[in-house]
Amino acid sequence: MPLMIGFGYDFGALKDESNPVAGAFFKIFFPSTAAALVTMITALYPGTRSLPISAIQEGEQAKIVIDHAARSIIESRLSTEKTDDSKDILGSMLKENRKLEKEGDEGLSKDEMLAQILTFLTAG
């Protein structure tokens, strides 16, 4: 499964098992039993998120890796995207943003685009 290919970028996760984004993705979405238990505990007792438990720290690091990768994709596409012919999800968001900006509206912020990317990644 090529991660984030719907955003016009293939991290090559199938070719490289040591890929940090692939590792982060699987750590978050396919956690070990212990990590799943820790996630439930931190959801019930938010104060426990700051405890020095390896599963918590690994989960937080995985979130940072995925967040950084998604932000990099957005920045890259914002700086190089010159046409509106992209057929992927991010291209559609950028196309709609350009359309709204021409009409005097704001469109999605980078943080809102990031939230959409993470939502689609989670759903996929």
N, C-alpha and C. Protein backbone atom coordinates (compact mmCIF):
# COMPACT_ATOMS: atom_id res chain seq x y z
N MET A 1 0.84 -1.17 0.00
CA MET A 1 0.00 0.00 0.00
C MET A 1 0.90 1.24 0.00
N PRO A 2 0.94 2.02 -1.10
CA PRO A 2 1.75 3.22 -1.13
C PRO A 2 1.12 4.32 -0.28
N LEU A 3 1.76 4.67 0.79
CA LEU A 3 1.21 5.67 1.70
C LEU A 3 1.19 7.05 1.07
N MET A 4 0.11 7.75 1.26
CA MET A 4 -0.10 9.12 0.83
C MET A 4 -0.02 9.31 -0.67
N ILE A 5 -0.19 8.26 -1.45
CA ILE A 5 -0.13 8.44 -2.89
C ILE A 5 -1.29 9.28 -3.40
N GLY A 6 -2.37 9.36 -2.65
CA GLY A 6 -3.51 10.19 -3.02
C GLY A 6 -3.20 11.67 -2.99
N PHE A 7 -2.05 12.03 -2.52
CA PHE A 7 -1.64 13.43 -2.44
C PHE A 7 -0.54 13.74 -3.44
N GLY A 8 -0.39 12.87 -4.43
CA GLY A 8 0.59 13.10 -5.47
C GLY A 8 2.00 12.77 -5.04
N TYR A 9 2.15 11.97 -3.99
CA TYR A 9 3.47 11.64 -3.50
C TYR A 9 3.47 10.21 -3.00
N ASP A 10 4.44 9.43 -3.45
CA ASP A 10 4.58 8.04 -3.01
C ASP A 10 5.86 7.95 -2.18
N PHE A 11 5.72 7.61 -0.92
CA PHE A 11 6.87 7.51 -0.03
C PHE A 11 7.71 6.26 -0.27
N GLY A 12 7.28 5.38 -1.17
CA GLY A 12 8.04 4.18 -1.45
C GLY A 12 8.03 3.19 -0.30
N ALA A 13 6.96 3.18 0.47
CA ALA A 13 6.89 2.34 1.65
C ALA A 13 6.96 0.85 1.32
N LEU A 14 6.50 0.47 0.13
CA LEU A 14 6.56 -0.94 -0.24
C LEU A 14 7.97 -1.37 -0.58
N LYS A 15 8.79 -0.44 -1.04
CA LYS A 15 10.15 -0.76 -1.45
C LYS A 15 11.14 -0.68 -0.30
N ASP A 16 10.81 0.05 0.72
CA ASP A 16 11.75 0.29 1.81
C ASP A 16 11.04 0.12 3.15
N GLU A 17 11.24 -1.03 3.76
CA GLU A 17 10.56 -1.32 5.03
C GLU A 17 11.04 -0.42 6.17
N SER A 18 12.21 0.19 6.00
CA SER A 18 12.71 1.07 7.05
C SER A 18 12.22 2.50 6.88
N ASN A 19 11.33 2.71 5.94
CA ASN A 19 10.77 4.03 5.67
C ASN A 19 10.14 4.59 6.94
N PRO A 20 10.58 5.78 7.40
CA PRO A 20 10.05 6.31 8.67
C PRO A 20 8.57 6.62 8.63
N VAL A 21 8.05 7.07 7.50
CA VAL A 21 6.61 7.38 7.42
C VAL A 21 5.80 6.09 7.48
N ALA A 22 6.26 5.05 6.78
CA ALA A 22 5.57 3.76 6.84
C ALA A 22 5.59 3.22 8.27
N GLY A 23 6.74 3.30 8.92
CA GLY A 23 6.85 2.83 10.30
C GLY A 23 5.91 3.59 11.23
N ALA A 24 5.85 4.91 11.06
CA ALA A 24 4.98 5.73 11.89
C ALA A 24 3.52 5.38 11.64
N PHE A 25 3.17 5.22 10.37
CA PHE A 25 1.80 4.87 10.00
C PHE A 25 1.38 3.57 10.68
N PHE A 26 2.21 2.54 10.56
CA PHE A 26 1.85 1.25 11.14
C PHE A 26 1.86 1.28 12.66
N LYS A 27 2.72 2.09 13.26
CA LYS A 27 2.75 2.20 14.72
C LYS A 27 1.44 2.82 15.23
N ILE A 28 0.91 3.80 14.50
CA ILE A 28 -0.32 4.47 14.92
C ILE A 28 -1.56 3.64 14.60
N PHE A 29 -1.63 3.11 13.37
CA PHE A 29 -2.86 2.47 12.92
C PHE A 29 -2.92 0.97 13.17
N PHE A 30 -1.79 0.35 13.49
CA PHE A 30 -1.75 -1.07 13.81
C PHE A 30 -0.88 -1.26 15.06
N PRO A 31 -1.32 -0.68 16.18
CA PRO A 31 -0.49 -0.71 17.39
C PRO A 31 -0.42 -2.11 18.01
N SER A 32 0.64 -2.30 18.78
CA SER A 32 0.74 -3.54 19.55
C SER A 32 -0.36 -3.52 20.61
N THR A 33 -0.60 -4.65 21.24
CA THR A 33 -1.62 -4.73 22.29
C THR A 33 -1.30 -3.75 23.41
N ALA A 34 -0.02 -3.70 23.80
CA ALA A 34 0.39 -2.79 24.88
C ALA A 34 0.16 -1.33 24.48
N ALA A 35 0.52 -0.98 23.25
CA ALA A 35 0.33 0.40 22.78
C ALA A 35 -1.15 0.75 22.72
N ALA A 36 -1.98 -0.19 22.29
CA ALA A 36 -3.43 0.05 22.23
C ALA A 36 -3.98 0.27 23.64
N LEU A 37 -3.51 -0.51 24.60
CA LEU A 37 -3.94 -0.35 25.99
C LEU A 37 -3.52 1.01 26.53
N VAL A 38 -2.29 1.41 26.26
CA VAL A 38 -1.80 2.71 26.71
C VAL A 38 -2.62 3.83 26.06
N THR A 39 -2.98 3.68 24.80
CA THR A 39 -3.80 4.68 24.11
C THR A 39 -5.16 4.83 24.78
N MET A 40 -5.76 3.71 25.15
CA MET A 40 -7.05 3.77 25.84
C MET A 40 -6.91 4.45 27.20
N ILE A 41 -5.85 4.15 27.91
CA ILE A 41 -5.64 4.76 29.23
C ILE A 41 -5.45 6.26 29.09
N THR A 42 -4.63 6.68 28.11
CA THR A 42 -4.40 8.12 27.94
C THR A 42 -5.66 8.84 27.45
N ALA A 43 -6.53 8.12 26.73
CA ALA A 43 -7.80 8.74 26.30
C ALA A 43 -8.72 8.94 27.51
N LEU A 44 -8.72 7.97 28.41
CA LEU A 44 -9.56 8.08 29.61
C LEU A 44 -8.99 9.03 30.64
N TYR A 45 -7.66 9.07 30.74
CA TYR A 45 -6.97 9.89 31.73
C TYR A 45 -5.91 10.72 31.02
N PRO A 46 -6.30 11.86 30.43
CA PRO A 46 -5.38 12.67 29.62
C PRO A 46 -4.10 13.08 30.36
N GLY A 47 -4.14 13.19 31.65
CA GLY A 47 -2.96 13.56 32.42
C GLY A 47 -1.83 12.54 32.31
N THR A 48 -2.16 11.33 31.90
CA THR A 48 -1.13 10.28 31.79
C THR A 48 -0.28 10.43 30.52
N ARG A 49 -0.67 11.31 29.62
CA ARG A 49 0.08 11.49 28.35
C ARG A 49 1.51 11.96 28.58
N SER A 50 1.77 12.58 29.72
CA SER A 50 3.11 13.09 29.99
C SER A 50 4.00 12.09 30.73
N LEU A 51 3.46 10.92 31.03
CA LEU A 51 4.26 9.91 31.72
C LEU A 51 5.35 9.37 30.79
N PRO A 52 6.51 9.05 31.34
CA PRO A 52 7.62 8.54 30.50
C PRO A 52 7.46 7.05 30.17
N ILE A 53 6.41 6.74 29.44
CA ILE A 53 6.13 5.36 29.03
C ILE A 53 6.51 5.26 27.55
N SER A 54 7.28 4.24 27.20
CA SER A 54 7.81 4.15 25.84
C SER A 54 6.71 4.13 24.77
N ALA A 55 5.59 3.47 25.03
CA ALA A 55 4.50 3.42 24.04
C ALA A 55 3.93 4.81 23.79
N ILE A 56 3.85 5.64 24.82
CA ILE A 56 3.36 7.01 24.66
C ILE A 56 4.37 7.81 23.84
N GLN A 57 5.64 7.71 24.20
CA GLN A 57 6.68 8.47 23.50
C GLN A 57 6.80 8.03 22.04
N GLU A 58 6.70 6.73 21.77
CA GLU A 58 6.78 6.23 20.40
C GLU A 58 5.57 6.71 19.58
N GLY A 59 4.40 6.71 20.19
CA GLY A 59 3.21 7.20 19.51
C GLY A 59 3.31 8.68 19.18
N GLU A 60 3.81 9.47 20.11
CA GLU A 60 3.98 10.90 19.87
C GLU A 60 5.01 11.14 18.77
N GLN A 61 6.09 10.36 18.77
CA GLN A 61 7.11 10.51 17.73
C GLN A 61 6.54 10.12 16.36
N ALA A 62 5.72 9.09 16.32
CA ALA A 62 5.09 8.68 15.07
C ALA A 62 4.18 9.78 14.54
N LYS A 63 3.43 10.43 15.43
CA LYS A 63 2.57 11.54 15.01
C LYS A 63 3.40 12.68 14.43
N ILE A 64 4.54 12.96 15.03
CA ILE A 64 5.42 14.02 14.54
C ILE A 64 5.94 13.69 13.15
N VAL A 65 6.33 12.43 12.93
CA VAL A 65 6.85 12.02 11.62
C VAL A 65 5.79 12.20 10.54
N ILE A 66 4.57 11.74 10.81
CA ILE A 66 3.49 11.86 9.83
C ILE A 66 3.11 13.32 9.61
N ASP A 67 3.05 14.10 10.67
CA ASP A 67 2.74 15.53 10.56
C ASP A 67 3.79 16.23 9.70
N HIS A 68 5.06 15.94 9.96
CA HIS A 68 6.15 16.57 9.19
C HIS A 68 6.07 16.19 7.71
N ALA A 69 5.81 14.91 7.44
CA ALA A 69 5.71 14.46 6.05
C ALA A 69 4.55 15.15 5.34
N ALA A 70 3.41 15.24 5.99
CA ALA A 70 2.24 15.88 5.38
C ALA A 70 2.50 17.37 5.15
N ARG A 71 3.11 18.03 6.12
CA ARG A 71 3.44 19.46 5.95
C ARG A 71 4.43 19.66 4.81
N SER A 72 5.38 18.75 4.67
CA SER A 72 6.36 18.84 3.57
C SER A 72 5.68 18.73 2.22
N ILE A 73 4.72 17.82 2.13
CA ILE A 73 3.97 17.66 0.88
C ILE A 73 3.22 18.94 0.55
N ILE A 74 2.55 19.51 1.54
CA ILE A 74 1.79 20.74 1.32
C ILE A 74 2.73 21.86 0.87
N GLU A 75 3.83 22.06 1.59
CA GLU A 75 4.77 23.12 1.24
C GLU A 75 5.33 22.92 -0.16
N SER A 76 5.67 21.69 -0.48
CA SER A 76 6.23 21.39 -1.80
C SER A 76 5.22 21.72 -2.90
N ARG A 77 4.00 21.27 -2.70
CA ARG A 77 2.96 21.50 -3.72
C ARG A 77 2.60 22.97 -3.82
N LEU A 78 2.59 23.69 -2.71
CA LEU A 78 2.29 25.12 -2.76
C LEU A 78 3.37 25.89 -3.50
N SER A 79 4.62 25.45 -3.36
CA SER A 79 5.71 26.19 -3.98
C SER A 79 5.92 25.81 -5.45
N THR A 80 5.46 24.62 -5.87
CA THR A 80 5.74 24.19 -7.25
C THR A 80 4.49 24.04 -8.10
N GLU A 81 3.34 23.92 -7.51
CA GLU A 81 2.11 23.68 -8.27
C GLU A 81 1.74 24.93 -9.07
N LYS A 82 1.84 24.83 -10.40
CA LYS A 82 1.53 25.98 -11.24
C LYS A 82 0.28 25.77 -12.07
N THR A 83 -0.16 24.53 -12.19
CA THR A 83 -1.35 24.27 -12.98
C THR A 83 -2.41 23.64 -12.09
N ASP A 84 -3.62 23.64 -12.57
CA ASP A 84 -4.74 23.09 -11.81
C ASP A 84 -5.15 21.73 -12.35
N ASP A 85 -4.22 21.00 -12.99
CA ASP A 85 -4.61 19.74 -13.62
C ASP A 85 -4.30 18.51 -12.76
N SER A 86 -3.89 18.70 -11.51
CA SER A 86 -3.62 17.57 -10.63
C SER A 86 -4.91 16.84 -10.33
N LYS A 87 -4.86 15.53 -10.37
CA LYS A 87 -6.06 14.72 -10.18
C LYS A 87 -6.12 14.09 -8.78
N ASP A 88 -5.20 14.44 -7.90
CA ASP A 88 -5.21 13.86 -6.57
C ASP A 88 -5.95 14.78 -5.59
N ILE A 89 -6.12 14.31 -4.37
CA ILE A 89 -6.90 15.02 -3.36
C ILE A 89 -6.29 16.38 -3.03
N LEU A 90 -5.00 16.41 -2.82
CA LEU A 90 -4.34 17.68 -2.49
C LEU A 90 -4.44 18.65 -3.66
N GLY A 91 -4.27 18.14 -4.89
CA GLY A 91 -4.42 18.99 -6.06
C GLY A 91 -5.80 19.62 -6.14
N SER A 92 -6.81 18.84 -5.79
CA SER A 92 -8.18 19.36 -5.78
C SER A 92 -8.35 20.45 -4.73
N MET A 93 -7.75 20.24 -3.54
CA MET A 93 -7.83 21.27 -2.50
C MET A 93 -7.14 22.55 -2.95
N LEU A 94 -5.96 22.40 -3.56
CA LEU A 94 -5.21 23.57 -4.02
C LEU A 94 -5.97 24.30 -5.13
N LYS A 95 -6.55 23.54 -6.03
CA LYS A 95 -7.33 24.13 -7.13
C LYS A 95 -8.50 24.93 -6.57
N GLU A 96 -9.22 24.36 -5.62
CA GLU A 96 -10.35 25.05 -5.01
C GLU A 96 -9.88 26.29 -4.25
N ASN A 97 -8.74 26.19 -3.56
CA ASN A 97 -8.20 27.36 -2.85
C ASN A 97 -7.90 28.49 -3.82
N ARG A 98 -7.26 28.16 -4.95
CA ARG A 98 -6.95 29.19 -5.95
C ARG A 98 -8.24 29.85 -6.47
N LYS A 99 -9.25 29.02 -6.71
CA LYS A 99 -10.53 29.54 -7.19
C LYS A 99 -11.14 30.50 -6.17
N LEU A 100 -11.13 30.09 -4.90
CA LEU A 100 -11.69 30.94 -3.84
C LEU A 100 -10.89 32.23 -3.69
N GLU A 101 -9.57 32.15 -3.78
CA GLU A 101 -8.74 33.34 -3.66
C GLU A 101 -9.04 34.34 -4.78
N LYS A 102 -9.27 33.83 -5.98
CA LYS A 102 -9.62 34.70 -7.11
C LYS A 102 -10.96 35.39 -6.87
N GLU A 103 -11.84 34.74 -6.12
CA GLU A 103 -13.15 35.31 -5.80
C GLU A 103 -13.12 36.18 -4.55
N GLY A 104 -11.94 36.29 -3.92
CA GLY A 104 -11.81 37.13 -2.73
C GLY A 104 -12.02 36.41 -1.42
N ASP A 105 -12.19 35.09 -1.45
CA ASP A 105 -12.34 34.32 -0.22
C ASP A 105 -10.99 33.76 0.21
N GLU A 106 -10.93 33.24 1.44
CA GLU A 106 -9.68 32.74 1.97
C GLU A 106 -9.33 31.33 1.52
N GLY A 107 -10.26 30.43 1.50
CA GLY A 107 -9.94 29.04 1.24
C GLY A 107 -9.39 28.38 2.48
N LEU A 108 -8.80 27.21 2.31
CA LEU A 108 -8.26 26.47 3.45
C LEU A 108 -6.87 26.98 3.81
N SER A 109 -6.59 27.07 5.10
CA SER A 109 -5.24 27.40 5.57
C SER A 109 -4.38 26.15 5.46
N LYS A 110 -3.07 26.29 5.65
CA LYS A 110 -2.17 25.13 5.62
C LYS A 110 -2.55 24.13 6.71
N ASP A 111 -2.93 24.64 7.88
CA ASP A 111 -3.32 23.74 8.97
C ASP A 111 -4.60 22.99 8.64
N GLU A 112 -5.54 23.66 7.97
CA GLU A 112 -6.77 22.99 7.56
C GLU A 112 -6.50 21.94 6.49
N MET A 113 -5.58 22.25 5.56
CA MET A 113 -5.20 21.24 4.56
C MET A 113 -4.52 20.06 5.23
N LEU A 114 -3.68 20.34 6.23
CA LEU A 114 -3.03 19.26 6.97
C LEU A 114 -4.07 18.37 7.64
N ALA A 115 -5.06 18.97 8.26
CA ALA A 115 -6.12 18.20 8.91
C ALA A 115 -6.86 17.33 7.90
N GLN A 116 -7.10 17.87 6.71
CA GLN A 116 -7.77 17.08 5.67
C GLN A 116 -6.90 15.91 5.22
N ILE A 117 -5.60 16.17 5.03
CA ILE A 117 -4.69 15.10 4.63
C ILE A 117 -4.68 14.00 5.67
N LEU A 118 -4.58 14.37 6.93
CA LEU A 118 -4.54 13.37 8.00
C LEU A 118 -5.87 12.61 8.09
N THR A 119 -6.98 13.29 7.83
CA THR A 119 -8.27 12.63 7.82
C THR A 119 -8.34 11.59 6.70
N PHE A 120 -7.92 11.97 5.49
CA PHE A 120 -7.93 11.03 4.37
C PHE A 120 -6.95 9.90 4.57
N LEU A 121 -5.80 10.20 5.18
CA LEU A 121 -4.82 9.15 5.46
C LEU A 121 -5.41 8.15 6.45
N THR A 122 -6.08 8.64 7.47
CA THR A 122 -6.70 7.77 8.48
C THR A 122 -7.80 6.94 7.84
N ALA A 123 -8.62 7.56 7.02
CA ALA A 123 -9.73 6.84 6.39
C ALA A 123 -9.23 5.80 5.39
N GLY A 124 -8.10 6.10 4.74
CA GLY A 124 -7.57 5.19 3.72
C GLY A 124 -6.94 3.99 4.32
